[in-house]
Amino acid sequence: MENETSYPLSEEDFRAALQEMSTYMDITEEDLYKIYKIALKHNKLRMARSIPVESVMTKEIYSITPDATLNDAAKILSEKHISALPVIDNNSKLVGLISDGDFLIVLQDEHEQSIWETLGKLIKGEKTKSHDGNKVSDLMTKEVITVHKEDDVHIAVDLMIKHKIKRVIVVGDENKVVGLLSRADIIQLFLKDVKE
């Protein structure tokens, strides 16, 4: 049989496969191969529970500092076609997150003028009704959901579902940003399993 996994099948995988088949039979070669394939599926599911975040995350990410301008943040978000930027200090430690959603919240609060007027003021650093300031630190979210690079992927997925967020920032030692795990990264992991 072809080598489809680097993880050894366990008794647990075969038990799960037999339970899924839910029948007793005389074993033929075809039956044995079917059991093998089902056991392999359960093996992959079991192994998926122990995939470290760092093996799936996006490692090349864009970030910004708290003292950068909102104009700088808006340009990066727009030019790089991304929806969020980790905000880091001079030691690469996470201090916040600024996303397109943060800009939208300010726009939502400004009813008396057009969205474009409000956005223009915000990016230029002019005062708006609900916002005063033009630095990233003035608008960023300070409490950020994170996972450690050695955490299992399912921990990150649970956090994304629980907090209804599209991404989690991945940190290493001393809370230094090392990557980002998004829904797209999770989907790629799923597609990889399907192809195999």
N, C-alpha and C. Protein backbone atom coordinates (compact mmCIF):
# COMPACT_ATOMS: atom_id res chain seq x y z
N MET A 1 0.84 -1.20 0.00
CA MET A 1 0.00 0.00 0.00
C MET A 1 0.87 1.24 0.00
N GLU A 2 0.37 2.28 -0.63
CA GLU A 2 1.13 3.52 -0.71
C GLU A 2 1.28 4.14 0.67
N ASN A 3 2.38 4.85 0.85
CA ASN A 3 2.62 5.53 2.12
C ASN A 3 1.91 6.87 2.10
N GLU A 4 0.74 6.95 2.74
CA GLU A 4 -0.08 8.15 2.67
C GLU A 4 0.06 9.02 3.91
N THR A 5 0.75 8.55 4.91
CA THR A 5 0.91 9.36 6.11
C THR A 5 2.23 9.04 6.77
N SER A 6 2.78 10.03 7.44
CA SER A 6 4.02 9.81 8.16
C SER A 6 3.73 9.41 9.60
N TYR A 7 2.46 9.36 9.97
CA TYR A 7 2.06 8.98 11.32
C TYR A 7 1.60 7.53 11.31
N PRO A 8 2.04 6.74 12.26
CA PRO A 8 1.59 5.34 12.30
C PRO A 8 0.13 5.25 12.70
N LEU A 9 -0.57 4.32 12.06
CA LEU A 9 -1.96 4.09 12.43
C LEU A 9 -1.97 3.41 13.80
N SER A 10 -2.92 3.79 14.61
CA SER A 10 -3.01 3.23 15.95
C SER A 10 -4.22 2.31 16.05
N GLU A 11 -4.28 1.56 17.15
CA GLU A 11 -5.45 0.72 17.40
C GLU A 11 -6.71 1.58 17.46
N GLU A 12 -6.55 2.79 18.00
CA GLU A 12 -7.68 3.72 18.09
C GLU A 12 -8.24 4.04 16.70
N ASP A 13 -7.33 4.22 15.72
CA ASP A 13 -7.78 4.51 14.35
C ASP A 13 -8.55 3.33 13.76
N PHE A 14 -8.05 2.12 13.98
CA PHE A 14 -8.73 0.94 13.44
C PHE A 14 -10.08 0.71 14.14
N ARG A 15 -10.11 0.94 15.47
CA ARG A 15 -11.38 0.81 16.19
C ARG A 15 -12.41 1.78 15.63
N ALA A 16 -11.97 3.03 15.41
CA ALA A 16 -12.87 4.05 14.87
C ALA A 16 -13.35 3.66 13.47
N ALA A 17 -12.45 3.08 12.68
CA ALA A 17 -12.83 2.64 11.33
C ALA A 17 -13.85 1.52 11.39
N LEU A 18 -13.63 0.56 12.28
CA LEU A 18 -14.57 -0.56 12.40
C LEU A 18 -15.94 -0.08 12.90
N GLN A 19 -15.92 0.88 13.84
CA GLN A 19 -17.20 1.42 14.33
C GLN A 19 -17.94 2.13 13.22
N GLU A 20 -17.20 2.84 12.37
CA GLU A 20 -17.83 3.55 11.27
C GLU A 20 -18.46 2.58 10.27
N MET A 21 -17.82 1.44 10.05
CA MET A 21 -18.37 0.45 9.12
C MET A 21 -19.59 -0.24 9.72
N SER A 22 -19.63 -0.31 11.02
CA SER A 22 -20.75 -0.86 11.80
C SER A 22 -21.33 -2.17 11.24
N THR A 23 -20.45 -3.07 10.92
CA THR A 23 -20.92 -4.38 10.45
C THR A 23 -19.83 -5.42 10.69
N TYR A 24 -20.26 -6.67 10.84
CA TYR A 24 -19.31 -7.77 10.95
C TYR A 24 -19.22 -8.42 9.58
N MET A 25 -18.04 -8.89 9.20
CA MET A 25 -17.87 -9.46 7.87
C MET A 25 -16.69 -10.42 7.83
N ASP A 26 -16.73 -11.26 6.83
CA ASP A 26 -15.54 -12.04 6.51
C ASP A 26 -14.61 -11.08 5.79
N ILE A 27 -13.38 -11.02 6.24
CA ILE A 27 -12.46 -10.02 5.70
C ILE A 27 -11.86 -10.50 4.38
N THR A 28 -12.08 -9.70 3.35
CA THR A 28 -11.42 -9.93 2.07
C THR A 28 -10.35 -8.87 1.92
N GLU A 29 -9.55 -8.99 0.89
CA GLU A 29 -8.51 -7.99 0.66
C GLU A 29 -9.15 -6.62 0.43
N GLU A 30 -10.26 -6.60 -0.28
CA GLU A 30 -10.97 -5.35 -0.54
C GLU A 30 -11.49 -4.74 0.76
N ASP A 31 -12.04 -5.61 1.64
CA ASP A 31 -12.53 -5.13 2.94
C ASP A 31 -11.39 -4.57 3.77
N LEU A 32 -10.28 -5.27 3.77
CA LEU A 32 -9.13 -4.83 4.55
C LEU A 32 -8.64 -3.46 4.08
N TYR A 33 -8.60 -3.28 2.75
CA TYR A 33 -8.16 -2.00 2.22
C TYR A 33 -9.15 -0.90 2.59
N LYS A 34 -10.44 -1.22 2.58
CA LYS A 34 -11.46 -0.25 2.96
C LYS A 34 -11.29 0.15 4.42
N ILE A 35 -11.04 -0.85 5.27
CA ILE A 35 -10.79 -0.56 6.68
C ILE A 35 -9.56 0.33 6.82
N TYR A 36 -8.53 0.01 6.05
CA TYR A 36 -7.30 0.80 6.08
C TYR A 36 -7.58 2.26 5.72
N LYS A 37 -8.34 2.49 4.66
CA LYS A 37 -8.64 3.85 4.21
C LYS A 37 -9.44 4.62 5.27
N ILE A 38 -10.40 3.95 5.89
CA ILE A 38 -11.20 4.61 6.92
C ILE A 38 -10.34 4.90 8.15
N ALA A 39 -9.51 3.93 8.51
CA ALA A 39 -8.60 4.12 9.66
C ALA A 39 -7.65 5.28 9.38
N LEU A 40 -7.21 5.38 8.14
CA LEU A 40 -6.30 6.46 7.75
C LEU A 40 -6.99 7.82 7.90
N LYS A 41 -8.26 7.88 7.54
CA LYS A 41 -9.03 9.12 7.69
C LYS A 41 -9.09 9.53 9.16
N HIS A 42 -9.37 8.55 10.03
CA HIS A 42 -9.45 8.85 11.46
C HIS A 42 -8.07 9.23 12.01
N ASN A 43 -7.03 8.63 11.45
CA ASN A 43 -5.67 8.99 11.84
C ASN A 43 -5.39 10.45 11.52
N LYS A 44 -5.80 10.89 10.33
CA LYS A 44 -5.56 12.28 9.93
C LYS A 44 -6.33 13.24 10.83
N LEU A 45 -7.56 12.86 11.17
CA LEU A 45 -8.35 13.70 12.07
C LEU A 45 -7.68 13.81 13.44
N ARG A 46 -7.16 12.68 13.93
CA ARG A 46 -6.49 12.68 15.23
C ARG A 46 -5.22 13.51 15.18
N MET A 47 -4.46 13.38 14.10
CA MET A 47 -3.21 14.13 13.97
C MET A 47 -3.48 15.63 13.78
N ALA A 48 -4.61 15.96 13.14
CA ALA A 48 -4.94 17.38 12.93
C ALA A 48 -5.11 18.10 14.25
N ARG A 49 -5.49 17.34 15.28
CA ARG A 49 -5.66 17.96 16.59
C ARG A 49 -4.33 18.36 17.21
N SER A 50 -3.24 17.87 16.66
CA SER A 50 -1.95 18.19 17.25
C SER A 50 -1.01 18.88 16.25
N ILE A 51 -1.58 19.57 15.27
CA ILE A 51 -0.77 20.34 14.33
C ILE A 51 -0.43 21.68 14.98
N PRO A 52 0.85 22.00 15.11
CA PRO A 52 1.20 23.28 15.73
C PRO A 52 0.85 24.45 14.80
N VAL A 53 0.41 25.54 15.40
CA VAL A 53 0.02 26.73 14.65
C VAL A 53 1.15 27.19 13.73
N GLU A 54 2.40 27.12 14.20
CA GLU A 54 3.51 27.66 13.41
C GLU A 54 3.71 26.92 12.09
N SER A 55 3.19 25.69 11.97
CA SER A 55 3.35 24.95 10.71
C SER A 55 2.29 25.33 9.68
N VAL A 56 1.30 26.12 10.10
CA VAL A 56 0.20 26.49 9.21
C VAL A 56 0.12 28.00 8.99
N MET A 57 0.60 28.77 9.95
CA MET A 57 0.43 30.22 9.93
C MET A 57 1.15 30.88 8.76
N THR A 58 0.74 32.11 8.47
CA THR A 58 1.44 32.96 7.51
C THR A 58 2.56 33.64 8.27
N LYS A 59 3.80 33.41 7.82
CA LYS A 59 4.96 33.93 8.55
C LYS A 59 5.35 35.33 8.09
N GLU A 60 5.15 35.62 6.81
CA GLU A 60 5.51 36.94 6.29
C GLU A 60 4.30 37.86 6.44
N ILE A 61 4.35 38.68 7.45
CA ILE A 61 3.21 39.57 7.70
C ILE A 61 3.69 41.02 7.75
N TYR A 62 2.75 41.91 7.52
CA TYR A 62 3.03 43.34 7.62
C TYR A 62 2.62 43.79 9.01
N SER A 63 3.37 44.74 9.55
CA SER A 63 3.04 45.27 10.87
C SER A 63 3.28 46.77 10.86
N ILE A 64 2.92 47.41 11.95
CA ILE A 64 3.06 48.86 12.03
C ILE A 64 3.33 49.22 13.50
N THR A 65 3.88 50.39 13.72
CA THR A 65 4.17 50.83 15.09
C THR A 65 3.06 51.75 15.60
N PRO A 66 2.93 51.88 16.91
CA PRO A 66 1.84 52.71 17.48
C PRO A 66 1.92 54.18 17.10
N ASP A 67 3.15 54.68 16.85
CA ASP A 67 3.29 56.10 16.54
C ASP A 67 3.18 56.40 15.05
N ALA A 68 2.96 55.39 14.23
CA ALA A 68 2.73 55.62 12.79
C ALA A 68 1.39 56.33 12.62
N THR A 69 1.23 56.99 11.50
CA THR A 69 -0.02 57.72 11.26
C THR A 69 -1.10 56.78 10.74
N LEU A 70 -2.34 57.20 10.90
CA LEU A 70 -3.46 56.43 10.35
C LEU A 70 -3.38 56.38 8.83
N ASN A 71 -2.81 57.42 8.24
CA ASN A 71 -2.60 57.44 6.80
C ASN A 71 -1.67 56.29 6.40
N ASP A 72 -0.59 56.09 7.18
CA ASP A 72 0.34 54.99 6.91
C ASP A 72 -0.39 53.65 6.98
N ALA A 73 -1.20 53.48 8.02
CA ALA A 73 -1.94 52.22 8.22
C ALA A 73 -2.92 51.99 7.07
N ALA A 74 -3.65 53.04 6.70
CA ALA A 74 -4.64 52.92 5.62
C ALA A 74 -3.96 52.55 4.30
N LYS A 75 -2.79 53.14 4.03
CA LYS A 75 -2.06 52.83 2.80
C LYS A 75 -1.64 51.37 2.76
N ILE A 76 -1.10 50.87 3.86
CA ILE A 76 -0.65 49.47 3.89
C ILE A 76 -1.83 48.53 3.72
N LEU A 77 -2.92 48.78 4.44
CA LEU A 77 -4.11 47.93 4.33
C LEU A 77 -4.62 47.91 2.89
N SER A 78 -4.62 49.06 2.26
CA SER A 78 -5.14 49.16 0.90
C SER A 78 -4.19 48.56 -0.13
N GLU A 79 -2.93 48.94 -0.07
CA GLU A 79 -1.96 48.49 -1.08
C GLU A 79 -1.66 47.00 -1.00
N LYS A 80 -1.65 46.47 0.22
CA LYS A 80 -1.32 45.05 0.38
C LYS A 80 -2.56 44.15 0.38
N HIS A 81 -3.74 44.77 0.25
CA HIS A 81 -5.01 44.01 0.20
C HIS A 81 -5.17 43.11 1.42
N ILE A 82 -4.93 43.69 2.59
CA ILE A 82 -5.09 42.96 3.84
C ILE A 82 -6.11 43.70 4.71
N SER A 83 -6.59 43.03 5.73
CA SER A 83 -7.64 43.64 6.54
C SER A 83 -7.19 44.03 7.95
N ALA A 84 -5.96 43.67 8.32
CA ALA A 84 -5.50 44.02 9.68
C ALA A 84 -3.98 44.06 9.75
N LEU A 85 -3.50 44.85 10.68
CA LEU A 85 -2.06 44.97 10.92
C LEU A 85 -1.78 44.82 12.42
N PRO A 86 -0.87 43.90 12.79
CA PRO A 86 -0.43 43.88 14.18
C PRO A 86 0.34 45.17 14.47
N VAL A 87 0.12 45.72 15.64
CA VAL A 87 0.85 46.92 16.06
C VAL A 87 1.92 46.46 17.04
N ILE A 88 3.18 46.74 16.70
CA ILE A 88 4.29 46.23 17.52
C ILE A 88 5.19 47.37 17.98
N ASP A 89 5.85 47.14 19.12
CA ASP A 89 6.79 48.13 19.62
C ASP A 89 8.16 47.89 18.99
N ASN A 90 9.17 48.59 19.46
CA ASN A 90 10.52 48.48 18.88
C ASN A 90 11.17 47.11 19.10
N ASN A 91 10.62 46.32 20.03
CA ASN A 91 11.16 44.98 20.29
C ASN A 91 10.32 43.88 19.65
N SER A 92 9.46 44.26 18.70
CA SER A 92 8.55 43.33 18.00
C SER A 92 7.50 42.73 18.91
N LYS A 93 7.27 43.33 20.07
CA LYS A 93 6.23 42.85 20.97
C LYS A 93 4.88 43.43 20.57
N LEU A 94 3.86 42.61 20.66
CA LEU A 94 2.52 43.01 20.27
C LEU A 94 1.94 43.99 21.28
N VAL A 95 1.43 45.13 20.77
CA VAL A 95 0.79 46.10 21.66
C VAL A 95 -0.63 46.41 21.21
N GLY A 96 -1.02 45.91 20.03
CA GLY A 96 -2.37 46.17 19.55
C GLY A 96 -2.59 45.63 18.15
N LEU A 97 -3.74 45.98 17.60
CA LEU A 97 -4.12 45.56 16.25
C LEU A 97 -4.96 46.67 15.65
N ILE A 98 -4.67 47.02 14.41
CA ILE A 98 -5.52 47.98 13.71
C ILE A 98 -6.06 47.30 12.46
N SER A 99 -7.36 47.40 12.28
CA SER A 99 -7.99 46.70 11.16
C SER A 99 -8.91 47.64 10.39
N ASP A 100 -9.36 47.15 9.25
CA ASP A 100 -10.32 47.94 8.48
C ASP A 100 -11.58 48.18 9.31
N GLY A 101 -11.88 47.25 10.21
CA GLY A 101 -13.04 47.40 11.08
C GLY A 101 -12.93 48.59 12.01
N ASP A 102 -11.70 48.91 12.45
CA ASP A 102 -11.51 50.08 13.32
C ASP A 102 -11.85 51.37 12.58
N PHE A 103 -11.48 51.44 11.31
CA PHE A 103 -11.83 52.61 10.50
C PHE A 103 -13.35 52.68 10.30
N LEU A 104 -13.97 51.52 10.08
CA LEU A 104 -15.41 51.48 9.84
C LEU A 104 -16.21 51.94 11.06
N ILE A 105 -15.72 51.61 12.26
CA ILE A 105 -16.43 52.02 13.47
C ILE A 105 -16.52 53.54 13.56
N VAL A 106 -15.42 54.21 13.24
CA VAL A 106 -15.43 55.68 13.25
C VAL A 106 -16.39 56.20 12.19
N LEU A 107 -16.36 55.59 11.00
CA LEU A 107 -17.24 56.04 9.92
C LEU A 107 -18.71 55.86 10.30
N GLN A 108 -19.00 54.79 11.01
CA GLN A 108 -20.38 54.50 11.42
C GLN A 108 -20.91 55.57 12.37
N ASP A 109 -20.01 56.13 13.19
CA ASP A 109 -20.42 57.12 14.18
C ASP A 109 -20.62 58.53 13.60
N GLU A 110 -20.21 58.72 12.35
CA GLU A 110 -20.27 60.05 11.74
C GLU A 110 -21.45 60.11 10.76
N HIS A 111 -22.62 60.46 11.26
CA HIS A 111 -23.82 60.42 10.42
C HIS A 111 -24.05 61.70 9.61
N GLU A 112 -23.52 62.83 10.09
CA GLU A 112 -23.88 64.10 9.46
C GLU A 112 -23.07 64.39 8.20
N GLN A 113 -22.03 63.60 7.91
CA GLN A 113 -21.27 63.84 6.69
C GLN A 113 -21.05 62.51 5.96
N SER A 114 -20.58 62.62 4.74
CA SER A 114 -20.40 61.40 3.95
C SER A 114 -19.25 60.57 4.50
N ILE A 115 -19.29 59.30 4.16
CA ILE A 115 -18.22 58.37 4.58
C ILE A 115 -16.88 58.88 4.08
N TRP A 116 -16.85 59.36 2.84
CA TRP A 116 -15.57 59.79 2.24
C TRP A 116 -15.02 61.01 2.95
N GLU A 117 -15.89 61.95 3.35
CA GLU A 117 -15.43 63.12 4.09
C GLU A 117 -14.84 62.71 5.43
N THR A 118 -15.53 61.82 6.11
CA THR A 118 -15.06 61.35 7.41
C THR A 118 -13.73 60.61 7.28
N LEU A 119 -13.66 59.71 6.30
CA LEU A 119 -12.42 58.95 6.10
C LEU A 119 -11.27 59.87 5.75
N GLY A 120 -11.54 60.87 4.91
CA GLY A 120 -10.50 61.84 4.55
C GLY A 120 -9.99 62.59 5.76
N LYS A 121 -10.90 63.03 6.61
CA LYS A 121 -10.50 63.73 7.84
C LYS A 121 -9.67 62.82 8.74
N LEU A 122 -10.13 61.60 8.89
CA LEU A 122 -9.46 60.66 9.77
C LEU A 122 -8.03 60.40 9.32
N ILE A 123 -7.87 60.15 8.04
CA ILE A 123 -6.54 59.84 7.51
C ILE A 123 -5.62 61.07 7.55
N LYS A 124 -6.19 62.27 7.36
CA LYS A 124 -5.39 63.50 7.40
C LYS A 124 -5.07 63.92 8.83
N GLY A 125 -5.73 63.27 9.80
CA GLY A 125 -5.47 63.62 11.19
C GLY A 125 -6.36 64.72 11.71
N GLU A 126 -7.38 65.08 10.94
CA GLU A 126 -8.31 66.11 11.40
C GLU A 126 -9.31 65.50 12.38
N LYS A 127 -9.85 66.34 13.25
CA LYS A 127 -10.80 65.85 14.25
C LYS A 127 -12.12 65.44 13.60
N THR A 128 -12.70 64.39 14.11
CA THR A 128 -14.05 64.00 13.73
C THR A 128 -14.87 63.99 15.01
N LYS A 129 -16.16 63.83 14.87
CA LYS A 129 -17.05 63.86 16.04
C LYS A 129 -16.67 62.81 17.08
N SER A 130 -16.34 61.61 16.61
CA SER A 130 -16.11 60.51 17.55
C SER A 130 -14.64 60.13 17.70
N HIS A 131 -13.76 60.87 17.02
CA HIS A 131 -12.36 60.47 17.08
C HIS A 131 -11.45 61.69 17.09
N ASP A 132 -10.49 61.66 17.97
CA ASP A 132 -9.54 62.76 18.08
C ASP A 132 -8.13 62.17 18.07
N GLY A 133 -7.40 62.38 17.00
CA GLY A 133 -6.04 61.86 16.90
C GLY A 133 -5.78 61.27 15.54
N ASN A 134 -4.50 61.19 15.17
CA ASN A 134 -4.17 60.65 13.86
C ASN A 134 -3.09 59.58 13.93
N LYS A 135 -2.84 59.06 15.12
CA LYS A 135 -1.85 58.00 15.27
C LYS A 135 -2.54 56.65 15.36
N VAL A 136 -1.81 55.61 14.97
CA VAL A 136 -2.33 54.24 15.05
C VAL A 136 -2.75 53.94 16.49
N SER A 137 -1.98 54.41 17.45
CA SER A 137 -2.29 54.14 18.87
C SER A 137 -3.62 54.75 19.29
N ASP A 138 -4.10 55.77 18.57
CA ASP A 138 -5.37 56.42 18.91
C ASP A 138 -6.57 55.57 18.49
N LEU A 139 -6.39 54.70 17.51
CA LEU A 139 -7.52 53.97 16.94
C LEU A 139 -7.43 52.45 17.13
N MET A 140 -6.23 51.95 17.39
CA MET A 140 -6.02 50.50 17.44
C MET A 140 -6.79 49.83 18.58
N THR A 141 -7.04 48.55 18.41
CA THR A 141 -7.61 47.71 19.46
C THR A 141 -6.44 47.24 20.32
N LYS A 142 -6.54 47.46 21.63
CA LYS A 142 -5.41 47.11 22.49
C LYS A 142 -5.47 45.69 23.02
N GLU A 143 -6.68 45.15 23.17
CA GLU A 143 -6.82 43.77 23.65
C GLU A 143 -6.96 42.86 22.43
N VAL A 144 -5.90 42.14 22.14
CA VAL A 144 -5.84 41.33 20.92
C VAL A 144 -5.85 39.84 21.28
N ILE A 145 -6.64 39.08 20.54
CA ILE A 145 -6.68 37.62 20.73
C ILE A 145 -5.45 37.03 20.08
N THR A 146 -4.68 36.28 20.84
CA THR A 146 -3.45 35.68 20.32
C THR A 146 -3.40 34.19 20.63
N VAL A 147 -2.54 33.50 19.89
CA VAL A 147 -2.18 32.12 20.21
C VAL A 147 -0.66 32.02 20.17
N HIS A 148 -0.13 31.06 20.89
CA HIS A 148 1.31 30.83 20.86
C HIS A 148 1.63 29.95 19.67
N LYS A 149 2.80 30.14 19.10
CA LYS A 149 3.17 29.39 17.89
C LYS A 149 3.17 27.88 18.11
N GLU A 150 3.32 27.42 19.34
CA GLU A 150 3.34 25.98 19.62
C GLU A 150 1.96 25.42 19.98
N ASP A 151 0.95 26.29 20.07
CA ASP A 151 -0.41 25.81 20.34
C ASP A 151 -0.91 24.97 19.18
N ASP A 152 -1.85 24.07 19.47
CA ASP A 152 -2.48 23.28 18.42
C ASP A 152 -3.42 24.15 17.61
N VAL A 153 -3.57 23.83 16.33
CA VAL A 153 -4.44 24.59 15.44
C VAL A 153 -5.86 24.67 15.98
N HIS A 154 -6.34 23.57 16.59
CA HIS A 154 -7.74 23.58 17.04
C HIS A 154 -7.99 24.63 18.13
N ILE A 155 -6.96 24.97 18.90
CA ILE A 155 -7.09 26.03 19.90
C ILE A 155 -7.37 27.36 19.20
N ALA A 156 -6.63 27.62 18.12
CA ALA A 156 -6.83 28.84 17.34
C ALA A 156 -8.22 28.88 16.72
N VAL A 157 -8.65 27.74 16.17
CA VAL A 157 -9.98 27.67 15.55
C VAL A 157 -11.06 27.94 16.59
N ASP A 158 -10.92 27.35 17.77
CA ASP A 158 -11.90 27.58 18.84
C ASP A 158 -11.98 29.06 19.20
N LEU A 159 -10.84 29.74 19.27
CA LEU A 159 -10.82 31.17 19.59
C LEU A 159 -11.49 32.00 18.50
N MET A 160 -11.23 31.64 17.25
CA MET A 160 -11.81 32.37 16.13
C MET A 160 -13.33 32.24 16.13
N ILE A 161 -13.81 31.04 16.44
CA ILE A 161 -15.26 30.81 16.48
C ILE A 161 -15.86 31.53 17.68
N LYS A 162 -15.24 31.37 18.85
CA LYS A 162 -15.77 31.96 20.08
C LYS A 162 -15.86 33.49 19.99
N HIS A 163 -14.82 34.12 19.46
CA HIS A 163 -14.77 35.58 19.42
C HIS A 163 -15.26 36.17 18.09
N LYS A 164 -15.67 35.28 17.17
CA LYS A 164 -16.18 35.71 15.86
C LYS A 164 -15.19 36.63 15.16
N ILE A 165 -13.94 36.15 15.07
CA ILE A 165 -12.89 36.93 14.42
C ILE A 165 -12.34 36.16 13.22
N LYS A 166 -11.72 36.89 12.30
CA LYS A 166 -11.23 36.30 11.06
C LYS A 166 -9.79 35.81 11.15
N ARG A 167 -9.10 36.23 12.20
CA ARG A 167 -7.69 35.91 12.30
C ARG A 167 -7.24 35.95 13.76
N VAL A 168 -6.13 35.29 14.05
CA VAL A 168 -5.49 35.43 15.36
C VAL A 168 -4.01 35.74 15.12
N ILE A 169 -3.47 36.61 15.95
CA ILE A 169 -2.05 36.92 15.87
C ILE A 169 -1.30 35.81 16.59
N VAL A 170 -0.20 35.37 15.98
CA VAL A 170 0.62 34.31 16.57
C VAL A 170 1.85 34.93 17.20
N VAL A 171 2.06 34.59 18.47
CA VAL A 171 3.21 35.13 19.19
C VAL A 171 4.13 34.00 19.61
N GLY A 172 5.38 34.37 19.83
CA GLY A 172 6.37 33.44 20.36
C GLY A 172 6.73 33.86 21.77
N ASP A 173 7.96 33.61 22.13
CA ASP A 173 8.43 33.98 23.46
C ASP A 173 8.39 35.50 23.64
N GLU A 174 8.13 35.94 24.86
CA GLU A 174 8.08 37.35 25.24
C GLU A 174 7.04 38.13 24.45
N ASN A 175 6.00 37.45 23.98
CA ASN A 175 4.88 38.08 23.27
C ASN A 175 5.31 38.76 21.96
N LYS A 176 6.37 38.24 21.34
CA LYS A 176 6.83 38.80 20.07
C LYS A 176 6.01 38.19 18.93
N VAL A 177 5.60 39.05 18.01
CA VAL A 177 4.79 38.59 16.88
C VAL A 177 5.65 37.79 15.92
N VAL A 178 5.17 36.56 15.59
CA VAL A 178 5.90 35.70 14.66
C VAL A 178 5.06 35.31 13.45
N GLY A 179 3.77 35.63 13.47
CA GLY A 179 2.94 35.27 12.33
C GLY A 179 1.48 35.60 12.56
N LEU A 180 0.66 35.13 11.64
CA LEU A 180 -0.77 35.37 11.69
C LEU A 180 -1.47 34.13 11.16
N LEU A 181 -2.52 33.73 11.83
CA LEU A 181 -3.30 32.58 11.37
C LEU A 181 -4.70 33.08 11.01
N SER A 182 -5.07 32.90 9.75
CA SER A 182 -6.36 33.40 9.27
C SER A 182 -7.26 32.24 8.88
N ARG A 183 -8.50 32.57 8.58
CA ARG A 183 -9.43 31.56 8.09
C ARG A 183 -8.89 30.93 6.82
N ALA A 184 -8.26 31.74 5.98
CA ALA A 184 -7.71 31.22 4.72
C ALA A 184 -6.64 30.16 4.98
N ASP A 185 -5.82 30.36 6.02
CA ASP A 185 -4.79 29.36 6.36
C ASP A 185 -5.44 28.05 6.79
N ILE A 186 -6.53 28.14 7.55
CA ILE A 186 -7.24 26.95 8.00
C ILE A 186 -7.84 26.21 6.81
N ILE A 187 -8.40 26.97 5.87
CA ILE A 187 -8.99 26.36 4.67
C ILE A 187 -7.91 25.64 3.87
N GLN A 188 -6.73 26.24 3.76
CA GLN A 188 -5.63 25.59 3.03
C GLN A 188 -5.25 24.27 3.69
N LEU A 189 -5.27 24.23 5.01
CA LEU A 189 -4.98 23.00 5.73
C LEU A 189 -6.03 21.94 5.41
N PHE A 190 -7.29 22.35 5.37
CA PHE A 190 -8.38 21.43 5.04
C PHE A 190 -8.22 20.91 3.62
N LEU A 191 -7.91 21.80 2.67
CA LEU A 191 -7.76 21.39 1.29
C LEU A 191 -6.60 20.43 1.12
N LYS A 192 -5.54 20.66 1.85
CA LYS A 192 -4.38 19.77 1.80
C LYS A 192 -4.76 18.37 2.23
N ASP A 193 -5.55 18.28 3.30
CA ASP A 193 -6.01 16.97 3.78
C ASP A 193 -6.91 16.29 2.76
N VAL A 194 -7.77 17.07 2.10
CA VAL A 194 -8.70 16.50 1.12
C VAL A 194 -7.92 15.94 -0.07
N LYS A 195 -6.90 16.70 -0.52
CA LYS A 195 -6.10 16.26 -1.68
C LYS A 195 -5.33 14.99 -1.37
N GLU A 196 -4.87 14.87 -0.15
CA GLU A 196 -4.13 13.67 0.22
C GLU A 196 -5.04 12.48 0.35
